[in-house]
Amino acid sequence: MRYVYDAVIERDEDGYAVSFPQFPEAVTFGATREEASRRAAEVLVLALAERIEEGGEIPSQERVAEVLSVGVEVTGDDIDKSKCLTIDQAAQELGVSAGRVSQLASSGKLTAVTFGKRRMVTIASVNERKANPPLPSRPRKVKTA
């Protein structure tokens, strides 16, 4: 489904900030106006996907500003991506390295999902790992012959 909402672009010393009056949670920025516009579309997709997934209110598409209008397509993949974290984001959440997150995903201890060439892990599996952390232990010594 196609959605079109107004966005407000404001220039500041670091570039351009973009917000959506009807989506207070959807705020982004860019060094250039073009970068900010592109990121605005991405953040709007995520905000809409999250509301659709959670059964939240989808604001009417009436005009509330006259600065910039952003139209986006929200696909099933977008909704699925909104339930995931990048490897780096998961590493930060878990307080481990990105390599460790990849190991946990490969071993099935985190649920990995691939979108195109991008590998992500589900937020649910990260939250489960945080709620049930492994017991602290010492590495096993490998016996040598």
Protein backbone atom coordinates (compact mmCIF):
# COMPACT_ATOMS: atom_id res chain seq x y z
CA MET A 1 0.00 0.00 0.00
CA ARG A 2 1.26 3.50 -0.79
CA TYR A 3 1.33 6.14 1.94
CA VAL A 4 2.12 9.84 1.49
CA TYR A 5 2.85 12.13 4.44
CA ASP A 6 4.24 15.61 4.85
CA ALA A 7 7.69 16.03 6.33
CA VAL A 8 9.31 19.11 7.81
CA ILE A 9 12.92 19.76 6.83
CA GLU A 10 14.97 22.12 8.96
CA ARG A 11 18.52 23.19 8.23
CA ASP A 12 20.93 23.33 11.15
CA GLU A 13 24.71 23.60 11.50
CA ASP A 14 25.24 19.88 10.86
CA GLY A 15 22.93 19.51 7.86
CA TYR A 16 19.21 18.87 7.59
CA ALA A 17 16.80 17.43 10.15
CA VAL A 18 13.55 15.83 9.00
CA SER A 19 10.47 15.13 11.08
CA PHE A 20 6.91 14.05 10.37
CA PRO A 21 4.15 15.93 12.23
CA GLN A 22 1.92 12.85 12.17
CA PHE A 23 4.72 10.48 13.35
CA PRO A 24 6.58 12.04 16.29
CA GLU A 25 8.79 8.93 16.52
CA ALA A 26 10.01 9.36 12.92
CA VAL A 27 12.91 11.80 13.00
CA THR A 28 16.11 11.66 10.95
CA PHE A 29 18.86 13.83 9.52
CA GLY A 30 21.33 14.08 6.66
CA ALA A 31 24.38 16.10 5.73
CA THR A 32 22.63 17.19 2.51
CA ARG A 33 18.99 17.79 1.66
CA GLU A 34 19.03 14.77 -0.66
CA GLU A 35 20.48 12.49 2.02
CA ALA A 36 17.92 13.77 4.54
CA SER A 37 15.09 13.14 2.07
CA ARG A 38 16.30 9.59 1.41
CA ARG A 39 16.61 8.88 5.12
CA ALA A 40 13.16 10.41 5.67
CA ALA A 41 11.66 7.78 3.40
CA GLU A 42 13.48 5.02 5.30
CA VAL A 43 12.38 6.23 8.74
CA LEU A 44 8.79 6.69 7.54
CA VAL A 45 8.73 3.09 6.26
CA LEU A 46 9.94 1.82 9.64
CA ALA A 47 7.42 3.94 11.58
CA LEU A 48 4.54 2.78 9.38
CA ALA A 49 5.69 -0.86 9.43
CA GLU A 50 5.85 -0.81 13.22
CA ARG A 51 2.37 0.70 13.54
CA ILE A 52 0.92 -1.76 11.03
CA GLU A 53 2.54 -4.72 12.81
CA GLU A 54 1.37 -3.58 16.23
CA GLY A 55 -2.12 -2.68 15.01
CA GLY A 56 -1.50 0.97 15.89
CA GLU A 57 -3.25 3.99 14.48
CA ILE A 58 -2.30 5.01 10.95
CA PRO A 59 -2.75 8.80 10.72
CA SER A 60 -4.84 10.25 7.94
CA GLN A 61 -2.86 11.47 4.97
CA GLU A 62 -4.21 15.01 5.09
CA ARG A 63 -1.81 17.89 4.50
CA VAL A 64 -0.37 19.39 7.67
CA ALA A 65 2.71 21.14 6.24
CA GLU A 66 3.87 22.53 2.93
CA VAL A 67 7.57 21.65 3.07
CA LEU A 68 8.13 18.16 1.67
CA SER A 69 5.87 15.25 0.83
CA VAL A 70 7.35 11.74 1.09
CA GLY A 71 5.66 8.72 -0.45
CA VAL A 72 6.75 5.19 0.44
CA GLU A 73 5.75 1.61 -0.21
CA VAL A 74 5.54 -0.60 2.88
CA THR A 75 6.16 -4.25 2.02
CA GLY A 76 6.04 -7.43 4.06
CA ASP A 77 9.85 -7.39 4.13
CA ASP A 78 9.73 -3.90 5.67
CA ILE A 79 7.45 -5.17 8.41
CA ASP A 80 9.75 -8.16 8.97
CA LYS A 81 12.82 -5.89 9.09
CA SER A 82 11.15 -3.77 11.76
CA LYS A 83 11.31 -6.88 13.99
CA CYS A 84 15.08 -7.21 13.55
CA LEU A 85 18.37 -5.61 14.53
CA THR A 86 21.56 -5.42 12.54
CA ILE A 87 24.46 -7.50 13.82
CA ASP A 88 26.09 -4.31 15.17
CA GLN A 89 22.89 -3.18 16.93
CA ALA A 90 22.45 -6.65 18.49
CA ALA A 91 26.09 -6.59 19.63
CA GLN A 92 25.53 -3.26 21.34
CA GLU A 93 22.33 -4.51 23.00
CA LEU A 94 24.03 -7.65 24.27
CA GLY A 95 27.32 -6.00 25.19
CA VAL A 96 29.37 -8.34 23.00
CA SER A 97 31.26 -8.05 19.71
CA ALA A 98 29.63 -8.27 16.30
CA GLY A 99 31.65 -11.44 15.72
CA ARG A 100 30.12 -12.99 18.83
CA VAL A 101 26.62 -12.13 17.61
CA SER A 102 27.43 -13.83 14.29
CA GLN A 103 28.61 -16.91 16.20
CA LEU A 104 25.43 -16.96 18.29
CA ALA A 105 23.31 -16.64 15.14
CA SER A 106 25.25 -19.39 13.35
CA SER A 107 24.84 -21.72 16.33
CA GLY A 108 21.10 -21.03 16.53
CA LYS A 109 21.28 -19.23 19.88
CA LEU A 110 19.99 -16.09 18.13
CA THR A 111 17.47 -16.21 15.29
CA ALA A 112 19.07 -14.91 12.10
CA VAL A 113 17.14 -13.57 9.12
CA THR A 114 18.59 -12.54 5.75
CA PHE A 115 17.15 -9.74 3.63
CA GLY A 116 18.94 -9.73 0.29
CA LYS A 117 22.60 -9.76 1.34
CA ARG A 118 21.98 -8.26 4.78
CA ARG A 119 21.96 -10.62 7.75
CA MET A 120 20.02 -9.50 10.81
CA VAL A 121 18.83 -11.07 14.06
CA THR A 122 15.36 -10.89 15.52
CA ILE A 123 14.67 -8.51 18.37
CA ALA A 124 12.76 -11.31 20.10
CA SER A 125 15.82 -13.59 20.15
CA VAL A 126 18.04 -10.76 21.47
CA ASN A 127 15.49 -9.99 24.20
CA GLU A 128 15.29 -13.70 25.07
CA ARG A 129 19.09 -13.87 25.37
CA LYS A 130 19.10 -10.77 27.58
CA ALA A 131 16.35 -12.22 29.79
CA ASN A 132 18.14 -15.57 30.08
CA PRO A 133 21.87 -14.87 29.90
CA PRO A 134 24.28 -17.79 29.92
CA LEU A 135 25.82 -18.71 33.24
CA PRO A 136 29.32 -17.36 33.69
CA SER A 137 31.91 -20.05 33.14
CA ARG A 138 35.54 -20.51 32.38
CA PRO A 139 36.69 -21.72 28.99
CA ARG A 140 37.37 -25.43 28.89
CA LYS A 141 40.97 -26.51 28.63
CA VAL A 142 41.70 -28.58 25.58
CA LYS A 143 43.73 -31.67 26.39
CA THR A 144 46.76 -32.10 24.21
CA ALA A 145 48.43 -35.40 23.52
